[in-house]
Amino acid sequence: MRDQRYGPANLLTVAPLTCGLLVTCILLYLVCLMQTMQTGGASGIGGISPEVLMGYGMASAPQLWTGRWHHLVMPMFLHGNAIHILFNMMWLYQLGPSLEAHFGTSNFGSVYFLSGIFGTCVTLLATGGPSVGASGAVFGMLGAVLAVRVVACHDFRRAMKSSEVRSTAKYIAFLFLICFLLPRVDHFGHFGGLVAGCLYGWLFETWRKRRVIGPLVLAGMLSITVAAVGLARWTFYSPYYHVITGIKADEEGETAERDAHFADAAEWAKVRRSEEAGLSAGMAFNKALKNRDAQGMWRYLKVMEAVGDPALVDEARQRLPGVQAQLQWEAFKKAHPETAHEIETDPEGAPEKQVQPAAPPADTPPKDSEERQGGGPEAKSELPSPE
């Protein structure tokens, strides 16, 4: 690979994609910074608020699970603060032009974007996010540089003795060490980008030297990337995934799909429980509580029992009797307004048979007629509030 450096006069001609990536990342960072300053959420040195980053497509498993595909690609263009974008753009400027001139714009773009997407998928599968930054694609470029120098040796034994290969490997190891010493660094994204960069760098370098690339090898490498994307989008083994998709189906009125996802969440929770799944069900429970939706409260309470923290479940159960009694009283007022008015104005003098109906035991779900009765004061809850 050529190691030459290009001046600003011919950089756009030699590496147009690299220039486009630099400009896009910097402009998008400035837009995010302006929006953050308008909302008063800036922190640190040019920090961007999480709300702004999420709005532009920060890597987040729940967002991807609900069909927002841009959360798979946009993290490569977003950065959390000024230092974050400074280092990533510095590496992109140092590595991008020579790699783009070496591979060609289309192959370089394939290495860059496939590495970044694969790194995002590894992050989502390992932690669920959130995460931003072009560092996954940057480590993909480093992996491609390593692959180019290994292929140039024609033999793996020679490559192990090559000074260029060993210096590149030491530089990558040094960067990983530095990243491990820093807080809030997405190591999974870096590792995923590096692996993808090595694989695709080897593929395109071997192709560039006109060596035979078997169709099975090419199909196998693409299949790994497609499988990672599919698994990140449909993480069927995660209770958290089924709770999130079940809540979305419930909001859209897809009752059969909702019940199927909640049942799958309960089954997979037997293998491993998920704190995030329980918190998500708790927020849905709190939203149903706010909307006076008795059936919804019971539904999400059952989900919490299957996947969540027992302490959170006990707290939710304590809220049910009072809410159900209030809903029954509101139904009674609607059916018998005159009698209810007499009870409210003179409860001591009202006949015994006209007393407010008692709440059923906490383990008894409400009837369909009690569903979504509104109007009374809202019960307060310690559960996480829906965003």
Protein backbone atom coordinates (compact mmCIF):
# COMPACT_ATOMS: atom_id res chain seq x y z
CA MET A 1 0.00 0.00 0.00
CA ARG A 2 1.29 3.42 -0.86
CA ASP A 3 2.22 5.55 2.11
CA GLN A 4 2.34 8.89 0.33
CA ARG A 5 0.56 11.95 1.71
CA TYR A 6 -1.64 14.21 -0.34
CA GLY A 7 -1.87 17.95 -0.02
CA PRO A 8 -5.12 19.89 0.07
CA ALA A 9 -4.83 20.77 -3.64
CA ASN A 10 -5.31 17.23 -4.94
CA LEU A 11 -6.90 15.53 -1.91
CA LEU A 12 -10.40 15.93 -3.34
CA THR A 13 -9.32 14.35 -6.63
CA VAL A 14 -7.48 11.41 -5.07
CA ALA A 15 -9.89 10.71 -2.17
CA PRO A 16 -13.34 12.20 -2.84
CA LEU A 17 -15.13 9.79 -0.49
CA THR A 18 -12.76 10.54 2.37
CA CYS A 19 -13.35 14.26 1.88
CA GLY A 20 -17.10 13.68 1.82
CA LEU A 21 -16.94 11.67 5.05
CA LEU A 22 -14.87 14.35 6.78
CA VAL A 23 -17.22 17.15 5.75
CA THR A 24 -20.37 15.18 6.61
CA CYS A 25 -19.17 14.21 10.08
CA ILE A 26 -18.00 17.74 10.93
CA LEU A 27 -21.15 19.44 9.65
CA LEU A 28 -23.42 16.97 11.43
CA TYR A 29 -21.49 17.49 14.66
CA LEU A 30 -21.92 21.27 14.38
CA VAL A 31 -25.67 20.90 13.74
CA CYS A 32 -26.01 18.63 16.77
CA LEU A 33 -23.95 21.05 18.88
CA MET A 34 -26.19 23.98 17.91
CA GLN A 35 -29.32 22.04 18.80
CA THR A 36 -27.79 20.96 22.11
CA MET A 37 -26.89 24.57 22.98
CA GLN A 38 -30.43 25.68 22.17
CA THR A 39 -31.86 23.13 24.60
CA GLY A 40 -29.24 23.86 27.26
CA GLY A 41 -28.03 20.27 27.43
CA ALA A 42 -24.36 20.81 26.54
CA SER A 43 -21.76 19.30 28.87
CA GLY A 44 -17.98 18.95 28.86
CA ILE A 45 -15.99 20.13 25.86
CA GLY A 46 -18.54 20.51 23.10
CA GLY A 47 -20.71 17.68 24.45
CA ILE A 48 -23.86 16.65 22.58
CA SER A 49 -26.97 15.76 24.55
CA PRO A 50 -28.21 12.13 24.34
CA GLU A 51 -31.65 13.34 23.20
CA VAL A 52 -30.18 15.09 20.16
CA LEU A 53 -27.98 12.10 19.31
CA MET A 54 -30.93 9.72 19.61
CA GLY A 55 -32.97 11.94 17.34
CA TYR A 56 -30.31 11.71 14.64
CA GLY A 57 -29.85 7.95 14.90
CA MET A 58 -27.58 6.94 17.77
CA ALA A 59 -27.01 3.17 17.93
CA SER A 60 -29.80 1.77 20.10
CA ALA A 61 -31.19 -1.74 20.06
CA PRO A 62 -34.80 -0.77 21.01
CA GLN A 63 -34.88 1.77 18.18
CA LEU A 64 -33.61 -0.77 15.65
CA TRP A 65 -36.02 -3.44 16.94
CA THR A 66 -38.95 -1.16 16.15
CA GLY A 67 -37.86 -0.80 12.52
CA ARG A 68 -35.76 2.38 12.58
CA TRP A 69 -32.99 1.15 10.30
CA HIS A 70 -31.08 4.43 10.23
CA HIS A 71 -29.89 3.66 13.78
CA LEU A 72 -27.63 1.06 12.16
CA VAL A 73 -25.81 3.48 9.82
CA MET A 74 -26.02 6.95 11.36
CA PRO A 75 -23.79 6.20 14.40
CA MET A 76 -20.78 6.33 12.02
CA PHE A 77 -21.49 10.03 11.42
CA LEU A 78 -22.34 11.10 15.00
CA HIS A 79 -19.94 12.02 17.82
CA GLY A 80 -20.43 12.72 21.50
CA ASN A 81 -18.07 15.67 22.04
CA ALA A 82 -15.28 17.74 20.49
CA ILE A 83 -12.44 15.41 21.54
CA HIS A 84 -14.32 12.40 20.18
CA ILE A 85 -14.73 13.85 16.70
CA LEU A 86 -11.22 15.37 16.72
CA PHE A 87 -9.47 12.02 17.13
CA ASN A 88 -11.75 10.13 14.74
CA MET A 89 -11.40 12.74 12.00
CA MET A 90 -7.63 12.84 12.53
CA TRP A 91 -7.40 9.08 11.94
CA LEU A 92 -9.76 9.29 8.98
CA TYR A 93 -7.61 12.04 7.43
CA GLN A 94 -4.41 10.04 7.99
CA LEU A 95 -5.65 6.65 6.77
CA GLY A 96 -8.47 7.45 4.35
CA PRO A 97 -6.67 9.06 1.37
CA SER A 98 -3.97 6.41 1.02
CA LEU A 99 -6.46 3.54 1.43
CA GLU A 100 -8.89 5.09 -1.04
CA ALA A 101 -6.12 5.61 -3.58
CA HIS A 102 -4.95 2.04 -3.03
CA PHE A 103 -8.30 0.21 -3.19
CA GLY A 104 -10.31 2.64 -5.29
CA THR A 105 -13.26 4.65 -4.06
CA SER A 106 -15.90 1.92 -4.32
CA ASN A 107 -13.85 -0.79 -2.58
CA PHE A 108 -12.64 1.65 0.07
CA GLY A 109 -16.25 2.70 0.71
CA SER A 110 -17.24 -0.96 1.05
CA VAL A 111 -14.52 -1.57 3.63
CA TYR A 112 -15.40 1.60 5.55
CA PHE A 113 -19.17 1.18 5.69
CA LEU A 114 -19.24 -2.60 6.13
CA SER A 115 -16.75 -2.31 9.00
CA GLY A 116 -18.76 0.44 10.64
CA ILE A 117 -22.06 -1.44 10.29
CA PHE A 118 -20.53 -4.68 11.55
CA GLY A 119 -19.05 -2.85 14.54
CA THR A 120 -22.46 -1.33 15.33
CA CYS A 121 -24.08 -4.78 15.14
CA VAL A 122 -21.51 -6.23 17.55
CA THR A 123 -22.20 -3.37 19.96
CA LEU A 124 -25.97 -3.85 19.79
CA LEU A 125 -25.69 -7.60 20.27
CA ALA A 126 -23.28 -7.25 23.19
CA THR A 127 -24.67 -4.25 25.07
CA GLY A 128 -27.74 -2.93 23.22
CA GLY A 129 -26.17 0.53 22.98
CA PRO A 130 -26.36 3.47 23.07
CA SER A 131 -23.23 4.26 21.07
CA VAL A 132 -21.97 6.78 18.52
CA GLY A 133 -18.77 7.44 16.60
CA ALA A 134 -16.84 6.59 13.46
CA SER A 135 -14.25 4.63 15.47
CA GLY A 136 -15.66 1.26 14.39
CA ALA A 137 -15.06 2.22 10.75
CA VAL A 138 -11.65 3.71 11.70
CA PHE A 139 -10.59 0.40 13.24
CA GLY A 140 -11.92 -1.22 10.07
CA MET A 141 -9.44 0.90 8.09
CA LEU A 142 -6.64 -0.20 10.42
CA GLY A 143 -7.68 -3.81 9.88
CA ALA A 144 -7.57 -3.25 6.12
CA VAL A 145 -4.06 -1.80 6.38
CA LEU A 146 -2.99 -4.88 8.34
CA ALA A 147 -4.58 -7.18 5.77
CA VAL A 148 -2.84 -5.39 2.87
CA ARG A 149 0.57 -5.81 4.49
CA VAL A 150 -0.09 -9.47 5.31
CA VAL A 151 -1.16 -10.24 1.73
CA ALA A 152 1.97 -8.47 0.42
CA CYS A 153 4.12 -11.08 2.20
CA HIS A 154 2.51 -13.93 0.19
CA ASP A 155 2.91 -16.25 3.16
CA PHE A 156 1.70 -16.12 6.75
CA ARG A 157 5.09 -17.13 8.16
CA ARG A 158 6.77 -14.29 6.30
CA ALA A 159 4.06 -11.94 7.46
CA MET A 160 4.79 -12.80 11.10
CA LYS A 161 8.41 -11.77 10.55
CA SER A 162 7.61 -8.64 8.52
CA SER A 163 8.49 -5.39 10.28
CA GLU A 164 5.56 -3.57 8.62
CA VAL A 165 3.04 -6.18 9.76
CA ARG A 166 4.41 -6.26 13.28
CA SER A 167 4.49 -2.46 13.58
CA THR A 168 0.89 -2.21 12.38
CA ALA A 169 -0.23 -4.91 14.83
CA LYS A 170 1.60 -3.16 17.69
CA TYR A 171 -0.02 0.16 16.76
CA ILE A 172 -3.50 -1.43 16.80
CA ALA A 173 -2.76 -3.09 20.16
CA PHE A 174 -1.56 0.25 21.53
CA LEU A 175 -4.78 1.97 20.44
CA PHE A 176 -6.86 -0.74 22.12
CA LEU A 177 -4.84 -0.28 25.31
CA ILE A 178 -5.41 3.48 25.28
CA CYS A 179 -9.14 2.94 24.70
CA PHE A 180 -9.35 0.53 27.63
CA LEU A 181 -7.94 3.24 29.89
CA LEU A 182 -10.61 5.74 28.85
CA PRO A 183 -14.17 5.81 30.25
CA ARG A 184 -17.31 5.18 28.21
CA VAL A 185 -15.55 3.66 25.19
CA ASP A 186 -17.34 1.19 22.91
CA HIS A 187 -14.76 -1.62 22.83
CA PHE A 188 -17.18 -4.03 21.15
CA GLY A 189 -17.65 -1.64 18.23
CA HIS A 190 -13.89 -1.25 17.86
CA PHE A 191 -13.31 -5.00 17.87
CA GLY A 192 -16.14 -5.68 15.42
CA GLY A 193 -14.90 -2.99 13.04
CA LEU A 194 -11.34 -4.34 13.22
CA VAL A 195 -12.42 -7.90 12.41
CA ALA A 196 -14.58 -6.78 9.49
CA GLY A 197 -11.80 -4.50 8.19
CA CYS A 198 -9.30 -7.37 8.24
CA LEU A 199 -11.67 -9.70 6.38
CA TYR A 200 -12.82 -7.24 3.74
CA GLY A 201 -9.36 -5.73 3.40
CA TRP A 202 -7.97 -9.21 2.67
CA LEU A 203 -10.82 -9.84 0.19
CA PHE A 204 -10.35 -6.62 -1.80
CA GLU A 205 -6.54 -6.78 -1.72
CA THR A 206 -6.56 -10.35 -3.02
CA TRP A 207 -9.09 -9.32 -5.63
CA ARG A 208 -6.95 -6.30 -6.58
CA LYS A 209 -3.95 -8.53 -7.22
CA ARG A 210 -6.14 -10.56 -9.60
CA ARG A 211 -5.98 -13.70 -7.55
CA VAL A 212 -8.89 -16.09 -7.73
CA ILE A 213 -11.57 -15.42 -5.12
CA GLY A 214 -13.93 -18.33 -4.83
CA PRO A 215 -17.62 -17.41 -4.91
CA LEU A 216 -18.14 -19.41 -1.73
CA VAL A 217 -15.56 -17.26 0.10
CA LEU A 218 -17.19 -14.03 -1.05
CA ALA A 219 -20.69 -15.33 -0.27
CA GLY A 220 -19.54 -16.55 3.14
CA MET A 221 -18.10 -13.18 4.14
CA LEU A 222 -21.19 -11.30 2.99
CA SER A 223 -23.37 -13.83 4.78
CA ILE A 224 -21.58 -13.12 8.06
CA THR A 225 -22.35 -9.41 7.71
CA VAL A 226 -25.95 -10.03 6.71
CA ALA A 227 -26.38 -12.45 9.61
CA ALA A 228 -25.00 -9.87 12.05
CA VAL A 229 -27.42 -7.24 10.73
CA GLY A 230 -30.35 -9.65 10.89
CA LEU A 231 -29.52 -10.78 14.40
CA ALA A 232 -29.15 -7.20 15.59
CA ARG A 233 -32.55 -6.35 14.07
CA TRP A 234 -34.37 -9.50 15.23
CA THR A 235 -32.67 -10.53 18.48
CA PHE A 236 -35.08 -13.40 19.07
CA TYR A 237 -33.21 -14.83 22.09
CA SER A 238 -33.49 -11.63 24.16
CA PRO A 239 -36.45 -11.07 26.54
CA TYR A 240 -35.80 -7.35 26.13
CA TYR A 241 -36.39 -7.64 22.36
CA HIS A 242 -39.72 -9.42 22.83
CA VAL A 243 -40.92 -6.93 25.46
CA ILE A 244 -40.08 -3.94 23.24
CA THR A 245 -41.70 -5.44 20.13
CA GLY A 246 -44.68 -6.59 22.20
CA ILE A 247 -45.22 -3.06 23.51
CA LYS A 248 -45.03 -1.69 19.96
CA ALA A 249 -47.57 -4.29 18.77
CA ASP A 250 -49.85 -3.35 21.68
CA GLU A 251 -49.69 0.33 20.71
CA GLU A 252 -50.62 -0.61 17.13
CA GLY A 253 -53.51 -2.84 18.25
CA GLU A 254 -51.90 -6.10 17.08
CA THR A 255 -53.09 -8.23 19.99
CA ALA A 256 -52.05 -11.61 18.58
CA GLU A 257 -48.51 -10.41 17.84
CA ARG A 258 -48.36 -8.71 21.25
CA ASP A 259 -49.35 -11.85 23.13
CA ALA A 260 -46.90 -13.97 21.11
CA HIS A 261 -43.98 -11.65 21.93
CA PHE A 262 -44.87 -11.49 25.61
CA ALA A 263 -45.06 -15.29 25.74
CA ASP A 264 -41.64 -15.53 24.06
CA ALA A 265 -40.25 -13.01 26.53
CA ALA A 266 -41.42 -15.19 29.42
CA GLU A 267 -39.84 -18.29 27.84
CA TRP A 268 -36.47 -16.68 27.14
CA ALA A 269 -36.46 -15.10 30.60
CA LYS A 270 -36.20 -18.62 31.99
CA VAL A 271 -32.79 -18.83 30.31
CA ARG A 272 -31.62 -15.38 31.38
CA ARG A 273 -33.57 -12.56 33.02
CA SER A 274 -33.25 -9.06 31.67
CA GLU A 275 -33.26 -5.96 33.85
CA GLU A 276 -33.92 -3.77 30.80
CA ALA A 277 -36.96 -5.89 29.87
CA GLY A 278 -38.41 -5.48 33.35
CA LEU A 279 -37.85 -1.71 33.31
CA SER A 280 -39.49 -1.41 29.88
CA ALA A 281 -42.52 -3.38 31.09
CA GLY A 282 -42.57 -1.14 34.18
CA MET A 283 -42.70 2.00 32.04
CA ALA A 284 -45.54 0.48 30.00
CA PHE A 285 -47.34 -0.36 33.25
CA ASN A 286 -46.92 3.22 34.44
CA LYS A 287 -48.27 4.52 31.13
CA ALA A 288 -51.32 2.28 31.47
CA LEU A 289 -51.73 3.56 35.03
CA LYS A 290 -51.64 7.15 33.78
CA ASN A 291 -54.23 6.34 31.07
CA ARG A 292 -56.53 4.55 33.56
CA ASP A 293 -56.16 1.35 31.53
CA ALA A 294 -56.87 -1.48 33.97
CA GLN A 295 -56.45 -4.28 31.45
CA GLY A 296 -53.12 -2.80 30.34
CA MET A 297 -51.91 -2.59 33.93
CA TRP A 298 -52.65 -6.24 34.52
CA ARG A 299 -51.11 -7.26 31.21
CA TYR A 300 -47.82 -5.51 31.91
CA LEU A 301 -47.79 -6.66 35.51
CA LYS A 302 -47.77 -10.25 34.24
CA VAL A 303 -44.90 -9.39 31.89
CA MET A 304 -42.98 -7.83 34.78
CA GLU A 305 -43.52 -10.96 36.86
CA ALA A 306 -42.05 -13.07 34.05
CA VAL A 307 -38.99 -11.01 33.15
CA GLY A 308 -38.43 -8.29 35.74
CA ASP A 309 -37.17 -7.53 39.21
CA PRO A 310 -39.42 -8.93 42.01
CA ALA A 311 -39.08 -5.66 43.95
CA LEU A 312 -40.47 -3.71 41.00
CA VAL A 313 -43.32 -6.22 40.69
CA ASP A 314 -44.23 -5.85 44.39
CA GLU A 315 -44.26 -2.08 44.06
CA ALA A 316 -46.61 -2.29 41.07
CA ARG A 317 -48.93 -4.70 42.90
CA GLN A 318 -49.33 -2.24 45.75
CA ARG A 319 -50.83 0.26 43.30
CA LEU A 320 -53.46 -2.03 41.83
CA PRO A 321 -56.17 -2.27 44.55
CA GLY A 322 -56.57 1.49 44.95
CA VAL A 323 -56.64 2.06 41.19
CA GLN A 324 -59.19 -0.71 40.63
CA ALA A 325 -61.42 0.63 43.40
CA GLN A 326 -61.28 4.09 41.82
CA LEU A 327 -62.16 2.66 38.40
CA GLN A 328 -65.10 0.74 39.87
CA TRP A 329 -66.37 3.87 41.60
CA GLU A 330 -66.12 5.84 38.35
CA ALA A 331 -68.09 3.11 36.57
CA PHE A 332 -70.71 3.22 39.35
CA LYS A 333 -70.99 7.01 39.02
CA LYS A 334 -71.54 6.68 35.31
CA ALA A 335 -74.24 4.04 35.73
CA HIS A 336 -75.98 5.63 38.76
CA PRO A 337 -75.19 9.36 38.78
CA GLU A 338 -77.97 10.38 41.21
CA THR A 339 -77.13 7.74 43.79
CA ALA A 340 -73.42 8.48 43.47
CA HIS A 341 -74.12 12.18 44.02
CA GLU A 342 -76.03 11.39 47.22
CA ILE A 343 -73.17 9.25 48.48
CA GLU A 344 -70.62 11.97 47.71
CA THR A 345 -72.66 14.74 49.37
CA ASP A 346 -73.77 12.72 52.42
CA PRO A 347 -71.80 9.47 52.72
CA GLU A 348 -72.87 8.85 56.35
CA GLY A 349 -76.56 9.13 55.60
CA ALA A 350 -76.47 7.06 52.44
CA PRO A 351 -78.01 3.58 52.54
CA GLU A 352 -75.56 0.74 53.17
CA LYS A 353 -76.25 -0.86 49.83
CA GLN A 354 -75.07 2.29 48.07
CA VAL A 355 -71.56 2.21 49.49
CA GLN A 356 -68.70 2.35 46.98
CA PRO A 357 -67.87 -1.13 45.66
CA ALA A 358 -64.83 -2.73 47.28
CA ALA A 359 -61.76 -3.48 45.25
CA PRO A 360 -61.18 -7.11 44.31
CA PRO A 361 -58.11 -8.92 45.62
CA ALA A 362 -54.80 -7.95 44.04
CA ASP A 363 -54.59 -11.26 42.18
CA THR A 364 -57.95 -10.77 40.42
CA PRO A 365 -57.80 -9.13 36.99
CA PRO A 366 -60.48 -6.55 36.13
CA LYS A 367 -63.42 -7.29 33.89
CA ASP A 368 -63.56 -6.02 30.34
CA SER A 369 -66.23 -3.47 31.30
CA GLU A 370 -63.76 -1.79 33.65
CA GLU A 371 -61.20 -1.18 30.93
CA ARG A 372 -60.06 2.37 30.16
CA GLN A 373 -62.42 4.28 32.45
CA GLY A 374 -61.08 7.83 32.75
CA GLY A 375 -61.59 10.98 34.72
CA GLY A 376 -60.38 10.54 38.31
CA PRO A 377 -57.22 11.82 39.91
CA GLU A 378 -54.11 9.98 38.82
CA ALA A 379 -52.39 7.62 41.23
CA LYS A 380 -48.75 8.38 41.84
CA SER A 381 -46.14 5.71 41.21
CA GLU A 382 -42.48 5.20 41.93
CA LEU A 383 -42.07 3.25 38.70
CA PRO A 384 -39.98 4.72 35.86
CA SER A 385 -41.94 7.34 33.98
CA PRO A 386 -42.49 6.81 30.25
CA GLU A 387 -40.49 9.08 28.05
